[in-house]
Amino acid sequence: MSEVPVRVAVRVRPLVGQEKVHQVPQCVEFVANKPQLILGKDRGFTFDYVFQPDASQVEVYESCIEPLVKSCLEGYNATVFAYGQTGSGKTYTIGGLDTGGLMDDQYGIIPRAVKQIFQAFESKQKIVFEVHVSYIEIYLEELRDLLDLDTSSKDIHIREDDKGNTGAMEQPVQSLDEVMSCLDTGSAARHTGATNMNEQSSRSHAIFTMYIDYMDYKYSKFHFVDLAGSERVDRTGNVGDRFKESVQINTGLLALGNVISALADARKKILHVPYRESKVTRLLKDSLGGNARTTMITCLSPAAADFAENLNTLKFATRARNIRNKPVINRDPQNTKLAEMQNQIMVKCFKLVHGFCVT
């Protein structure tokens, strides 16, 4: 079983709103023609991809997501997740917005990946397949099914089966439009709220998943993960319910950091990986150190006031690059064996009918 690294991209958003008006100083510089950046005066970092503020949604997608889609169509599990501080552009990049009001060039990763998958099916008409989608958010460390809001959080549990499914409702879909309808409906139901750092801050982690079953007994899943942004309460000004949300968000991200550190530091030869510390790490167990091809998109703000948050984010992303996954093509062993036996029977019948010697 071959190992592949988790690939890491860094995307720096442009200055926005009052940052532009006041021409705030910036803390990020880029190295020409290399996937490198410099934070502050002399802190250099190298990643698999580095996208400057003028990078388009198409550029980000074609560079680091198209290969994941192709592998998913071959029967591999795939995951892309966006990480960074609140207001750094994660939801915009991953594409978990209301797509109805967007221009084509503004579409993020999810709409583009879904389109590519269905186009691949249309171009190969002999492929028989079934697609289902699920959409889960983790709010205050409780699971919530965004496609079935009538289901109580107490009735949703992480019960992974052999395929890695979780027990949330899996909506059958047959077209790009049906998938986008599920995405828009679920996104509208997510917990969001205003803070001093972001007018529409995601207050939950969200995982949108496509499950693909092929009639040749292969199957795959594609996780699209929009993590809530890391927050410092002294900057967000959160109080009351917003403060409780911040605590749970940061607790989940800390657990994720602990998992990444355990997987990345091979020198310690850590035998225990603390996946069970939070629900988000349990749900991403296959994606980090398991059976999946994974890309992490790290989002940064260029403003000098965000230097400390950017430094922590880049250290987090650097550790993630050291993780090795072990992806394999997913096949149903019983049905695969049955298909082999049926094929052998057909070959023998053919030989008998045409007078060949059967051995």
Foldseek 3Di string as FASTA:
>chain_A
DDKDAAFEEEEAAADDDVCVVVVFDFQKADDPPFQKIGGHDHRIDHGPYYHYNVDFQVNVCVPPPVVQLVVQVVFFAAEEEEAAAWPQCRCQALQLELCPPDDPRSGHNVLVSQVVNVVVCVVVVVWDKWKWKWKWKQFLQFIATLQCRVDDSVPFAQDQDPQGDGPHDTHTDDGSVVLSVSSNSSSVPFDWAAFLNGHTFGLIKMWMKMWMATPLQGIYMYIRIYQGRQDDCVRRVDDDPRVSSNVSSVQVVVLVLQQLLQQQPCVVVDPDRPQVSGPVSVSCVCVFAHAYHYYYYYGHYRGPVCSVRVVVSSVSSVSSRRGIYDHDRGGDVVVNVVVVVVVVVVVQVVCVVVVHDDD
